[in-house]
Structures are given as structure tokens and as C-alpha cells.
Amino acid sequence: MALPVFHENMLESDMEKMESNATRASNFLKAIGHEGRMMILCHLVTGEKSVTELEDLLSARQAAVSQQLSRLRLEGLITPRREGKSIYYRLTDDRSKQIMEVVYELFCRD
């Protein structure tokens, strides 16, 4: 994977695109930069879960789980689905899964 190279002859449009990408990446990292949100993403990597399932898995209260789910939803990292009175969440796309795989490799693998 090639990293960007900054140079003095860089076009302004290229620099603006890099700044925009940096903002998007920063927002993404802020969204996953909370222990509770990271744990939610870890659980959702294995598939869709209801709010109740997440509460049980995290040993957390509904209000705390809902607050973290709201932030992840706001950032577009998870997508809800309602079935009757239950709400289920899943990862919106592969970005979160890819990041969680890297985090696992760096910090969790023995």
C-alpha cells in the first residue's frame, strides 16, 4: 500500500482532496475511538445483533448501548433494521470490519 507523497508542486485540487480524506478518516477514527463503540463493532463483525443482544454481550445498560449505537449510526458505520419491537444493527460496509481486523492483529492476537 502506497502512502501519499507531499511535494511543493502538488496541485491545489490534490491537496484539497487529501484534506477532505483526512477529515473523513479522522471522523471515522473518532467514532471507533471509544471502548464501548469498539466493542459493539467487534460484536457486529460476526453478524447482525439486536440492541438486547448487545446489552447482554456488553453487560451494559440499554441507555449506554443506545448512546454508542447512535454515534456509530451518525457516522454511517452501522445500519438499523426494525423487526416488530426489536431493532437490529449490522455493519454498513466493510470498512469497520477491515479496521477491526487490523486492531485485532495489532492488539488482541496472542
PDB file of N, CA and C in Angstrom:
ATOM      1  N   MET A   1       0.851  -1.171   0.000  1.00  0.00           N
ATOM      2  CA  MET A   1       0.000   0.000   0.000  1.00  0.00           C
ATOM      3  C   MET A   1       0.896   1.233   0.000  1.00  0.00           C
ATOM      4  N   ALA A   2       0.656   2.121  -0.923  1.00  0.00           N
ATOM      5  CA  ALA A   2       1.459   3.330  -1.047  1.00  0.00           C
ATOM      6  C   ALA A   2       0.832   4.472  -0.249  1.00  0.00           C
ATOM      7  N   LEU A   3       1.662   5.150   0.501  1.00  0.00           N
ATOM      8  CA  LEU A   3       1.207   6.326   1.239  1.00  0.00           C
ATOM      9  C   LEU A   3       1.352   7.554   0.354  1.00  0.00           C
ATOM     10  N   PRO A   4       0.567   8.604   0.606  1.00  0.00           N
ATOM     11  CA  PRO A   4       0.660   9.805  -0.227  1.00  0.00           C
ATOM     12  C   PRO A   4       2.012  10.490  -0.052  1.00  0.00           C
ATOM     13  N   VAL A   5       2.452  11.110  -1.125  1.00  0.00           N
ATOM     14  CA  VAL A   5       3.710  11.850  -1.097  1.00  0.00           C
ATOM     15  C   VAL A   5       3.389  13.323  -1.293  1.00  0.00           C
ATOM     16  N   PHE A   6       3.811  14.120  -0.338  1.00  0.00           N
ATOM     17  CA  PHE A   6       3.617  15.566  -0.442  1.00  0.00           C
ATOM     18  C   PHE A   6       4.826  16.166  -1.148  1.00  0.00           C
ATOM     19  N   HIS A   7       4.571  17.092  -2.036  1.00  0.00           N
ATOM     20  CA  HIS A   7       5.675  17.800  -2.688  1.00  0.00           C
ATOM     21  C   HIS A   7       5.220  19.214  -2.999  1.00  0.00           C
ATOM     22  N   GLU A   8       6.185  20.084  -3.236  1.00  0.00           N
ATOM     23  CA  GLU A   8       5.876  21.508  -3.401  1.00  0.00           C
ATOM     24  C   GLU A   8       5.106  21.815  -4.670  1.00  0.00           C
ATOM     25  N   ASN A   9       5.133  20.950  -5.661  1.00  0.00           N
ATOM     26  CA  ASN A   9       4.420  21.185  -6.921  1.00  0.00           C
ATOM     27  C   ASN A   9       3.043  20.521  -6.954  1.00  0.00           C
ATOM     28  N   MET A  10       2.564  20.139  -5.803  1.00  0.00           N
ATOM     29  CA  MET A  10       1.277  19.464  -5.723  1.00  0.00           C
ATOM     30  C   MET A  10       0.147  20.406  -6.143  1.00  0.00           C
ATOM     31  N   LEU A  11      -0.779  19.888  -6.919  1.00  0.00           N
ATOM     32  CA  LEU A  11      -1.926  20.691  -7.337  1.00  0.00           C
ATOM     33  C   LEU A  11      -2.810  21.005  -6.140  1.00  0.00           C
ATOM     34  N   GLU A  12      -3.416  22.175  -6.167  1.00  0.00           N
ATOM     35  CA  GLU A  12      -4.304  22.573  -5.074  1.00  0.00           C
ATOM     36  C   GLU A  12      -5.472  21.600  -4.942  1.00  0.00           C
ATOM     37  N   SER A  13      -5.986  21.133  -6.068  1.00  0.00           N
ATOM     38  CA  SER A  13      -7.114  20.189  -6.020  1.00  0.00           C
ATOM     39  C   SER A  13      -6.703  18.868  -5.366  1.00  0.00           C
ATOM     40  N   ASP A  14      -5.466  18.427  -5.597  1.00  0.00           N
ATOM     41  CA  ASP A  14      -4.984  17.200  -4.949  1.00  0.00           C
ATOM     42  C   ASP A  14      -4.855  17.402  -3.446  1.00  0.00           C
ATOM     43  N   MET A  15      -4.359  18.573  -3.045  1.00  0.00           N
ATOM     44  CA  MET A  15      -4.218  18.875  -1.620  1.00  0.00           C
ATOM     45  C   MET A  15      -5.592  18.953  -0.955  1.00  0.00           C
ATOM     46  N   GLU A  16      -6.563  19.566  -1.623  1.00  0.00           N
ATOM     47  CA  GLU A  16      -7.921  19.658  -1.076  1.00  0.00           C
ATOM     48  C   GLU A  16      -8.533  18.268  -0.916  1.00  0.00           C
ATOM     49  N   LYS A  17      -8.287  17.398  -1.888  1.00  0.00           N
ATOM     50  CA  LYS A  17      -8.805  16.030  -1.796  1.00  0.00           C
ATOM     51  C   LYS A  17      -8.167  15.302  -0.615  1.00  0.00           C
ATOM     52  N   MET A  18      -6.868  15.486  -0.420  1.00  0.00           N
ATOM     53  CA  MET A  18      -6.184  14.844   0.705  1.00  0.00           C
ATOM     54  C   MET A  18      -6.723  15.363   2.032  1.00  0.00           C
ATOM     55  N   GLU A  19      -6.985  16.671   2.109  1.00  0.00           N
ATOM     56  CA  GLU A  19      -7.542  17.249   3.334  1.00  0.00           C
ATOM     57  C   GLU A  19      -8.937  16.699   3.608  1.00  0.00           C
ATOM     58  N   SER A  20      -9.734  16.572   2.562  1.00  0.00           N
ATOM     59  CA  SER A  20     -11.076  16.011   2.711  1.00  0.00           C
ATOM     60  C   SER A  20     -11.004  14.559   3.184  1.00  0.00           C
ATOM     61  N   ASN A  21     -10.106  13.793   2.599  1.00  0.00           N
ATOM     62  CA  ASN A  21      -9.927  12.398   3.018  1.00  0.00           C
ATOM     63  C   ASN A  21      -9.445  12.313   4.459  1.00  0.00           C
ATOM     64  N   ALA A  22      -8.556  13.227   4.849  1.00  0.00           N
ATOM     65  CA  ALA A  22      -8.051  13.241   6.227  1.00  0.00           C
ATOM     66  C   ALA A  22      -9.184  13.538   7.206  1.00  0.00           C
ATOM     67  N   THR A  23     -10.086  14.428   6.843  1.00  0.00           N
ATOM     68  CA  THR A  23     -11.231  14.748   7.698  1.00  0.00           C
ATOM     69  C   THR A  23     -12.138  13.530   7.844  1.00  0.00           C
ATOM     70  N   ARG A  24     -12.419  12.865   6.738  1.00  0.00           N
ATOM     71  CA  ARG A  24     -13.256  11.656   6.786  1.00  0.00           C
ATOM     72  C   ARG A  24     -12.613  10.577   7.646  1.00  0.00           C
ATOM     73  N   ALA A  25     -11.317  10.372   7.459  1.00  0.00           N
ATOM     74  CA  ALA A  25     -10.603   9.353   8.242  1.00  0.00           C
ATOM     75  C   ALA A  25     -10.602   9.711   9.719  1.00  0.00           C
ATOM     76  N   SER A  26     -10.404  10.986  10.020  1.00  0.00           N
ATOM     77  CA  SER A  26     -10.391  11.443  11.412  1.00  0.00           C
ATOM     78  C   SER A  26     -11.748  11.215  12.068  1.00  0.00           C
ATOM     79  N   ASN A  27     -12.817  11.534  11.375  1.00  0.00           N
ATOM     80  CA  ASN A  27     -14.167  11.310  11.912  1.00  0.00           C
ATOM     81  C   ASN A  27     -14.429   9.826  12.145  1.00  0.00           C
ATOM     82  N   PHE A  28     -13.976   9.001  11.229  1.00  0.00           N
ATOM     83  CA  PHE A  28     -14.124   7.554  11.374  1.00  0.00           C
ATOM     84  C   PHE A  28     -13.379   7.066  12.612  1.00  0.00           C
ATOM     85  N   LEU A  29     -12.133   7.502  12.769  1.00  0.00           N
ATOM     86  CA  LEU A  29     -11.327   7.063  13.908  1.00  0.00           C
ATOM     87  C   LEU A  29     -11.883   7.575  15.231  1.00  0.00           C
ATOM     88  N   LYS A  30     -12.435   8.784  15.231  1.00  0.00           N
ATOM     89  CA  LYS A  30     -13.082   9.298  16.452  1.00  0.00           C
ATOM     90  C   LYS A  30     -14.284   8.429  16.822  1.00  0.00           C
ATOM     91  N   ALA A  31     -15.026   8.014  15.804  1.00  0.00           N
ATOM     92  CA  ALA A  31     -16.225   7.203  16.061  1.00  0.00           C
ATOM     93  C   ALA A  31     -15.865   5.859  16.680  1.00  0.00           C
ATOM     94  N   ILE A  32     -14.758   5.261  16.253  1.00  0.00           N
ATOM     95  CA  ILE A  32     -14.394   3.960  16.822  1.00  0.00           C
ATOM     96  C   ILE A  32     -13.443   4.111  18.011  1.00  0.00           C
ATOM     97  N   GLY A  33     -13.046   5.340  18.320  1.00  0.00           N
ATOM     98  CA  GLY A  33     -12.079   5.595  19.378  1.00  0.00           C
ATOM     99  C   GLY A  33     -12.664   5.611  20.777  1.00  0.00           C
ATOM    100  N   HIS A  34     -13.672   4.840  21.013  1.00  0.00           N
ATOM    101  CA  HIS A  34     -14.303   4.721  22.332  1.00  0.00           C
ATOM    102  C   HIS A  34     -14.454   3.229  22.605  1.00  0.00           C
ATOM    103  N   GLU A  35     -14.076   2.816  23.789  1.00  0.00           N
ATOM    104  CA  GLU A  35     -14.092   1.388  24.132  1.00  0.00           C
ATOM    105  C   GLU A  35     -15.453   0.739  23.872  1.00  0.00           C
ATOM    106  N   GLY A  36     -16.525   1.402  24.273  1.00  0.00           N
ATOM    107  CA  GLY A  36     -17.863   0.842  24.081  1.00  0.00           C
ATOM    108  C   GLY A  36     -18.226   0.688  22.620  1.00  0.00           C
ATOM    109  N   ARG A  37     -17.917   1.714  21.818  1.00  0.00           N
ATOM    110  CA  ARG A  37     -18.225   1.630  20.385  1.00  0.00           C
ATOM    111  C   ARG A  37     -17.362   0.566  19.710  1.00  0.00           C
ATOM    112  N   MET A  38     -16.103   0.473  20.136  1.00  0.00           N
ATOM    113  CA  MET A  38     -15.230  -0.540  19.553  1.00  0.00           C
ATOM    114  C   MET A  38     -15.739  -1.944  19.871  1.00  0.00           C
ATOM    115  N   MET A  39     -16.210  -2.144  21.093  1.00  0.00           N
ATOM    116  CA  MET A  39     -16.747  -3.456  21.467  1.00  0.00           C
ATOM    117  C   MET A  39     -18.011  -3.781  20.673  1.00  0.00           C
ATOM    118  N   ILE A  40     -18.851  -2.782  20.445  1.00  0.00           N
ATOM    119  CA  ILE A  40     -20.049  -3.000  19.620  1.00  0.00           C
ATOM    120  C   ILE A  40     -19.635  -3.450  18.227  1.00  0.00           C
ATOM    121  N   LEU A  41     -18.668  -2.755  17.635  1.00  0.00           N
ATOM    122  CA  LEU A  41     -18.205  -3.130  16.301  1.00  0.00           C
ATOM    123  C   LEU A  41     -17.616  -4.539  16.298  1.00  0.00           C
ATOM    124  N   CYS A  42     -16.875  -4.891  17.345  1.00  0.00           N
ATOM    125  CA  CYS A  42     -16.325  -6.258  17.445  1.00  0.00           C
ATOM    126  C   CYS A  42     -17.443  -7.293  17.380  1.00  0.00           C
ATOM    127  N   HIS A  43     -18.525  -7.035  18.089  1.00  0.00           N
ATOM    128  CA  HIS A  43     -19.643  -7.979  18.091  1.00  0.00           C
ATOM    129  C   HIS A  43     -20.383  -7.987  16.755  1.00  0.00           C
ATOM    130  N   LEU A  44     -20.484  -6.839  16.111  1.00  0.00           N
ATOM    131  CA  LEU A  44     -21.211  -6.777  14.840  1.00  0.00           C
ATOM    132  C   LEU A  44     -20.409  -7.350  13.678  1.00  0.00           C
ATOM    133  N   VAL A  45     -19.099  -7.497  13.846  1.00  0.00           N
ATOM    134  CA  VAL A  45     -18.286  -8.118  12.799  1.00  0.00           C
ATOM    135  C   VAL A  45     -18.783  -9.533  12.517  1.00  0.00           C
ATOM    136  N   THR A  46     -19.292 -10.200  13.552  1.00  0.00           N
ATOM    137  CA  THR A  46     -19.763 -11.579  13.383  1.00  0.00           C
ATOM    138  C   THR A  46     -21.192 -11.661  12.856  1.00  0.00           C
ATOM    139  N   GLY A  47     -21.854 -10.510  12.718  1.00  0.00           N
ATOM    140  CA  GLY A  47     -23.203 -10.511  12.170  1.00  0.00           C
ATOM    141  C   GLY A  47     -24.140  -9.595  12.932  1.00  0.00           C
ATOM    142  N   GLU A  48     -25.323  -9.457  12.391  1.00  0.00           N
ATOM    143  CA  GLU A  48     -26.356  -8.584  12.939  1.00  0.00           C
ATOM    144  C   GLU A  48     -26.715  -8.981  14.374  1.00  0.00           C
ATOM    145  N   LYS A  49     -26.944  -7.962  15.210  1.00  0.00           N
ATOM    146  CA  LYS A  49     -27.336  -8.191  16.608  1.00  0.00           C
ATOM    147  C   LYS A  49     -28.441  -7.208  16.982  1.00  0.00           C
ATOM    148  N   SER A  50     -29.317  -7.648  17.880  1.00  0.00           N
ATOM    149  CA  SER A  50     -30.348  -6.749  18.410  1.00  0.00           C
ATOM    150  C   SER A  50     -29.736  -5.909  19.523  1.00  0.00           C
ATOM    151  N   VAL A  51     -30.411  -4.834  19.872  1.00  0.00           N
ATOM    152  CA  VAL A  51     -29.958  -3.991  20.977  1.00  0.00           C
ATOM    153  C   VAL A  51     -29.892  -4.824  22.253  1.00  0.00           C
ATOM    154  N   THR A  52     -30.889  -5.665  22.477  1.00  0.00           N
ATOM    155  CA  THR A  52     -30.913  -6.518  23.671  1.00  0.00           C
ATOM    156  C   THR A  52     -29.717  -7.469  23.691  1.00  0.00           C
ATOM    157  N   GLU A  53     -29.407  -8.062  22.549  1.00  0.00           N
ATOM    158  CA  GLU A  53     -28.236  -8.945  22.475  1.00  0.00           C
ATOM    159  C   GLU A  53     -26.959  -8.182  22.814  1.00  0.00           C
ATOM    160  N   LEU A  54     -26.840  -6.971  22.281  1.00  0.00           N
ATOM    161  CA  LEU A  54     -25.648  -6.162  22.557  1.00  0.00           C
ATOM    162  C   LEU A  54     -25.562  -5.798  24.036  1.00  0.00           C
ATOM    163  N   GLU A  55     -26.704  -5.463  24.636  1.00  0.00           N
ATOM    164  CA  GLU A  55     -26.721  -5.169  26.080  1.00  0.00           C
ATOM    165  C   GLU A  55     -26.166  -6.356  26.858  1.00  0.00           C
ATOM    166  N   ASP A  56     -26.633  -7.551  26.527  1.00  0.00           N
ATOM    167  CA  ASP A  56     -26.186  -8.763  27.224  1.00  0.00           C
ATOM    168  C   ASP A  56     -24.701  -9.032  26.975  1.00  0.00           C
ATOM    169  N   LEU A  57     -24.280  -8.935  25.721  1.00  0.00           N
ATOM    170  CA  LEU A  57     -22.885  -9.202  25.376  1.00  0.00           C
ATOM    171  C   LEU A  57     -21.927  -8.228  26.055  1.00  0.00           C
ATOM    172  N   LEU A  58     -22.370  -6.977  26.189  1.00  0.00           N
ATOM    173  CA  LEU A  58     -21.517  -5.933  26.761  1.00  0.00           C
ATOM    174  C   LEU A  58     -21.709  -5.772  28.264  1.00  0.00           C
ATOM    175  N   SER A  59     -22.696  -6.465  28.811  1.00  0.00           N
ATOM    176  CA  SER A  59     -23.067  -6.275  30.226  1.00  0.00           C
ATOM    177  C   SER A  59     -23.257  -4.788  30.520  1.00  0.00           C
ATOM    178  N   ALA A  60     -24.033  -4.153  29.645  1.00  0.00           N
ATOM    179  CA  ALA A  60     -24.251  -2.708  29.749  1.00  0.00           C
ATOM    180  C   ALA A  60     -25.741  -2.403  29.751  1.00  0.00           C
ATOM    181  N   ARG A  61     -26.067  -1.249  30.280  1.00  0.00           N
ATOM    182  CA  ARG A  61     -27.460  -0.810  30.307  1.00  0.00           C
ATOM    183  C   ARG A  61     -27.892  -0.336  28.925  1.00  0.00           C
ATOM    184  N   GLN A  62     -29.196  -0.422  28.713  1.00  0.00           N
ATOM    185  CA  GLN A  62     -29.767  -0.055  27.420  1.00  0.00           C
ATOM    186  C   GLN A  62     -29.418   1.376  27.040  1.00  0.00           C
ATOM    187  N   ALA A  63     -29.463   2.304  27.972  1.00  0.00           N
ATOM    188  CA  ALA A  63     -29.179   3.710  27.668  1.00  0.00           C
ATOM    189  C   ALA A  63     -27.750   3.894  27.169  1.00  0.00           C
ATOM    190  N   ALA A  64     -26.802   3.208  27.803  1.00  0.00           N
ATOM    191  CA  ALA A  64     -25.397   3.328  27.399  1.00  0.00           C
ATOM    192  C   ALA A  64     -25.172   2.732  26.009  1.00  0.00           C
ATOM    193  N   VAL A  65     -25.765   1.573  25.764  1.00  0.00           N
ATOM    194  CA  VAL A  65     -25.624   0.925  24.459  1.00  0.00           C
ATOM    195  C   VAL A  65     -26.268   1.787  23.378  1.00  0.00           C
ATOM    196  N   SER A  66     -27.448   2.306  23.645  1.00  0.00           N
ATOM    197  CA  SER A  66     -28.152   3.146  22.669  1.00  0.00           C
ATOM    198  C   SER A  66     -27.363   4.405  22.332  1.00  0.00           C
ATOM    199  N   GLN A  67     -26.729   4.987  23.329  1.00  0.00           N
ATOM    200  CA  GLN A  67     -25.925   6.192  23.093  1.00  0.00           C
ATOM    201  C   GLN A  67     -24.771   5.882  22.133  1.00  0.00           C
ATOM    202  N   GLN A  68     -24.101   4.765  22.350  1.00  0.00           N
ATOM    203  CA  GLN A  68     -22.980   4.407  21.479  1.00  0.00           C
ATOM    204  C   GLN A  68     -23.469   3.996  20.086  1.00  0.00           C
ATOM    205  N   LEU A  69     -24.595   3.320  20.022  1.00  0.00           N
ATOM    206  CA  LEU A  69     -25.175   2.964  18.727  1.00  0.00           C
ATOM    207  C   LEU A  69     -25.540   4.218  17.939  1.00  0.00           C
ATOM    208  N   SER A  70     -26.051   5.230  18.622  1.00  0.00           N
ATOM    209  CA  SER A  70     -26.417   6.488  17.957  1.00  0.00           C
ATOM    210  C   SER A  70     -25.209   7.125  17.293  1.00  0.00           C
ATOM    211  N   ARG A  71     -24.086   7.137  17.995  1.00  0.00           N
ATOM    212  CA  ARG A  71     -22.870   7.737  17.427  1.00  0.00           C
ATOM    213  C   ARG A  71     -22.394   6.942  16.214  1.00  0.00           C
ATOM    214  N   LEU A  72     -22.416   5.629  16.315  1.00  0.00           N
ATOM    215  CA  LEU A  72     -21.994   4.799  15.187  1.00  0.00           C
ATOM    216  C   LEU A  72     -22.928   4.966  13.993  1.00  0.00           C
ATOM    217  N   ARG A  73     -24.215   5.125  14.270  1.00  0.00           N
ATOM    218  CA  ARG A  73     -25.199   5.382  13.205  1.00  0.00           C
ATOM    219  C   ARG A  73     -24.953   6.723  12.550  1.00  0.00           C
ATOM    220  N   LEU A  74     -24.705   7.737  13.376  1.00  0.00           N
ATOM    221  CA  LEU A  74     -24.445   9.089  12.881  1.00  0.00           C
ATOM    222  C   LEU A  74     -23.266   9.097  11.911  1.00  0.00           C
ATOM    223  N   GLU A  75     -22.260   8.315  12.202  1.00  0.00           N
ATOM    224  CA  GLU A  75     -21.074   8.241  11.349  1.00  0.00           C
ATOM    225  C   GLU A  75     -21.264   7.293  10.168  1.00  0.00           C
ATOM    226  N   GLY A  76     -22.427   6.635  10.095  1.00  0.00           N
ATOM    227  CA  GLY A  76     -22.716   5.751   8.973  1.00  0.00           C
ATOM    228  C   GLY A  76     -22.016   4.407   9.038  1.00  0.00           C
ATOM    229  N   LEU A  77     -21.555   4.014  10.235  1.00  0.00           N
ATOM    230  CA  LEU A  77     -20.822   2.758  10.369  1.00  0.00           C
ATOM    231  C   LEU A  77     -21.735   1.559  10.575  1.00  0.00           C
ATOM    232  N   ILE A  78     -22.937   1.799  11.088  1.00  0.00           N
ATOM    233  CA  ILE A  78     -23.898   0.719  11.303  1.00  0.00           C
ATOM    234  C   ILE A  78     -25.244   1.117  10.720  1.00  0.00           C
ATOM    235  N   THR A  79     -26.041   0.108  10.417  1.00  0.00           N
ATOM    236  CA  THR A  79     -27.362   0.319   9.824  1.00  0.00           C
ATOM    237  C   THR A  79     -28.396  -0.434  10.654  1.00  0.00           C
ATOM    238  N   PRO A  80     -29.497   0.249  11.017  1.00  0.00           N
ATOM    239  CA  PRO A  80     -30.536  -0.418  11.810  1.00  0.00           C
ATOM    240  C   PRO A  80     -31.568  -1.115  10.930  1.00  0.00           C
ATOM    241  N   ARG A  81     -32.234  -2.084  11.529  1.00  0.00           N
ATOM    242  CA  ARG A  81     -33.367  -2.755  10.893  1.00  0.00           C
ATOM    243  C   ARG A  81     -34.357  -3.063  12.004  1.00  0.00           C
ATOM    244  N   ARG A  82     -35.604  -2.642  11.799  1.00  0.00           N
ATOM    245  CA  ARG A  82     -36.637  -2.888  12.808  1.00  0.00           C
ATOM    246  C   ARG A  82     -37.412  -4.148  12.449  1.00  0.00           C
ATOM    247  N   GLU A  83     -37.625  -4.970  13.473  1.00  0.00           N
ATOM    248  CA  GLU A  83     -38.457  -6.163  13.321  1.00  0.00           C
ATOM    249  C   GLU A  83     -39.356  -6.223  14.544  1.00  0.00           C
ATOM    250  N   GLY A  84     -40.609  -5.855  14.350  1.00  0.00           N
ATOM    251  CA  GLY A  84     -41.530  -5.767  15.482  1.00  0.00           C
ATOM    252  C   GLY A  84     -41.060  -4.691  16.442  1.00  0.00           C
ATOM    253  N   LYS A  85     -40.891  -5.054  17.702  1.00  0.00           N
ATOM    254  CA  LYS A  85     -40.426  -4.094  18.700  1.00  0.00           C
ATOM    255  C   LYS A  85     -38.906  -4.059  18.819  1.00  0.00           C
ATOM    256  N   SER A  86     -38.235  -4.963  18.141  1.00  0.00           N
ATOM    257  CA  SER A  86     -36.775  -5.054  18.249  1.00  0.00           C
ATOM    258  C   SER A  86     -36.087  -4.298  17.121  1.00  0.00           C
ATOM    259  N   ILE A  87     -34.924  -3.738  17.441  1.00  0.00           N
ATOM    260  CA  ILE A  87     -34.079  -3.096  16.438  1.00  0.00           C
ATOM    261  C   ILE A  87     -32.785  -3.894  16.357  1.00  0.00           C
ATOM    262  N   TYR A  88     -32.420  -4.233  15.138  1.00  0.00           N
ATOM    263  CA  TYR A  88     -31.196  -4.982  14.877  1.00  0.00           C
ATOM    264  C   TYR A  88     -30.204  -4.068  14.165  1.00  0.00           C
ATOM    265  N   TYR A  89     -28.936  -4.253  14.457  1.00  0.00           N
ATOM    266  CA  TYR A  89     -27.887  -3.456  13.826  1.00  0.00           C
ATOM    267  C   TYR A  89     -26.899  -4.364  13.126  1.00  0.00           C
ATOM    268  N   ARG A  90     -26.370  -3.844  12.025  1.00  0.00           N
ATOM    269  CA  ARG A  90     -25.322  -4.538  11.279  1.00  0.00           C
ATOM    270  C   ARG A  90     -24.326  -3.491  10.789  1.00  0.00           C
ATOM    271  N   LEU A  91     -23.146  -3.951  10.407  1.00  0.00           N
ATOM    272  CA  LEU A  91     -22.157  -3.045   9.835  1.00  0.00           C
ATOM    273  C   LEU A  91     -22.663  -2.558   8.487  1.00  0.00           C
ATOM    274  N   THR A  92     -22.465  -1.285   8.204  1.00  0.00           N
ATOM    275  CA  THR A  92     -22.934  -0.713   6.949  1.00  0.00           C
ATOM    276  C   THR A  92     -22.104  -1.198   5.768  1.00  0.00           C
ATOM    277  N   ASP A  93     -20.803  -1.270   5.957  1.00  0.00           N
ATOM    278  CA  ASP A  93     -19.920  -1.719   4.878  1.00  0.00           C
ATOM    279  C   ASP A  93     -18.683  -2.383   5.472  1.00  0.00           C
ATOM    280  N   ASP A  94     -17.733  -2.697   4.627  1.00  0.00           N
ATOM    281  CA  ASP A  94     -16.558  -3.461   5.042  1.00  0.00           C
ATOM    282  C   ASP A  94     -15.498  -2.651   5.792  1.00  0.00           C
ATOM    283  N   ARG A  95     -15.576  -1.315   5.773  1.00  0.00           N
ATOM    284  CA  ARG A  95     -14.529  -0.502   6.421  1.00  0.00           C
ATOM    285  C   ARG A  95     -14.355  -0.866   7.882  1.00  0.00           C
ATOM    286  N   SER A  96     -15.455  -0.946   8.602  1.00  0.00           N
ATOM    287  CA  SER A  96     -15.377  -1.251  10.032  1.00  0.00           C
ATOM    288  C   SER A  96     -14.775  -2.629  10.264  1.00  0.00           C
ATOM    289  N   LYS A  97     -15.190  -3.593   9.464  1.00  0.00           N
ATOM    290  CA  LYS A  97     -14.650  -4.947   9.611  1.00  0.00           C
ATOM    291  C   LYS A  97     -13.149  -4.955   9.345  1.00  0.00           C
ATOM    292  N   GLN A  98     -12.726  -4.262   8.307  1.00  0.00           N
ATOM    293  CA  GLN A  98     -11.304  -4.212   7.978  1.00  0.00           C
ATOM    294  C   GLN A  98     -10.497  -3.574   9.106  1.00  0.00           C
ATOM    295  N   ILE A  99     -11.006  -2.481   9.665  1.00  0.00           N
ATOM    296  CA  ILE A  99     -10.307  -1.813  10.768  1.00  0.00           C
ATOM    297  C   ILE A  99     -10.257  -2.728  11.982  1.00  0.00           C
ATOM    298  N   MET A 100     -11.361  -3.390  12.298  1.00  0.00           N
ATOM    299  CA  MET A 100     -11.387  -4.263  13.468  1.00  0.00           C
ATOM    300  C   MET A 100     -10.428  -5.442  13.288  1.00  0.00           C
ATOM    301  N   GLU A 101     -10.265  -5.919  12.059  1.00  0.00           N
ATOM    302  CA  GLU A 101      -9.295  -6.984  11.802  1.00  0.00           C
ATOM    303  C   GLU A 101      -7.874  -6.504  12.077  1.00  0.00           C
ATOM    304  N   VAL A 102      -7.563  -5.271  11.665  1.00  0.00           N
ATOM    305  CA  VAL A 102      -6.235  -4.697  11.926  1.00  0.00           C
ATOM    306  C   VAL A 102      -6.029  -4.506  13.425  1.00  0.00           C
ATOM    307  N   VAL A 103      -7.034  -3.965  14.110  1.00  0.00           N
ATOM    308  CA  VAL A 103      -6.944  -3.768  15.564  1.00  0.00           C
ATOM    309  C   VAL A 103      -6.715  -5.110  16.254  1.00  0.00           C
ATOM    310  N   TYR A 104      -7.447  -6.119  15.817  1.00  0.00           N
ATOM    311  CA  TYR A 104      -7.291  -7.450  16.404  1.00  0.00           C
ATOM    312  C   TYR A 104      -5.860  -7.955  16.210  1.00  0.00           C
ATOM    313  N   GLU A 105      -5.354  -7.834  15.000  1.00  0.00           N
ATOM    314  CA  GLU A 105      -3.992  -8.297  14.710  1.00  0.00           C
ATOM    315  C   GLU A 105      -2.956  -7.553  15.554  1.00  0.00           C
ATOM    316  N   LEU A 106      -3.137  -6.255  15.735  1.00  0.00           N
ATOM    317  CA  LEU A 106      -2.158  -5.445  16.466  1.00  0.00           C
ATOM    318  C   LEU A 106      -2.248  -5.593  17.977  1.00  0.00           C
ATOM    319  N   PHE A 107      -3.462  -5.770  18.518  1.00  0.00           N
ATOM    320  CA  PHE A 107      -3.638  -5.693  19.963  1.00  0.00           C
ATOM    321  C   PHE A 107      -4.188  -6.949  20.638  1.00  0.00           C
ATOM    322  N   CYS A 108      -4.815  -7.828  19.893  1.00  0.00           N
ATOM    323  CA  CYS A 108      -5.525  -8.940  20.532  1.00  0.00           C
ATOM    324  C   CYS A 108      -4.935 -10.314  20.248  1.00  0.00           C
ATOM    325  N   ARG A 109      -4.270 -10.449  19.157  1.00  0.00           N
ATOM    326  CA  ARG A 109      -3.732 -11.763  18.785  1.00  0.00           C
ATOM    327  C   ARG A 109      -2.581 -12.121  19.712  1.00  0.00           C
ATOM    328  N   ASP A 110      -2.582 -13.346  20.191  1.00  0.00           N
ATOM    329  CA  ASP A 110      -1.505 -13.812  21.091  1.00  0.00           C
ATOM    330  C   ASP A 110      -0.288 -14.245  20.315  1.00  0.00           C
TER     331      ASP A 110
END
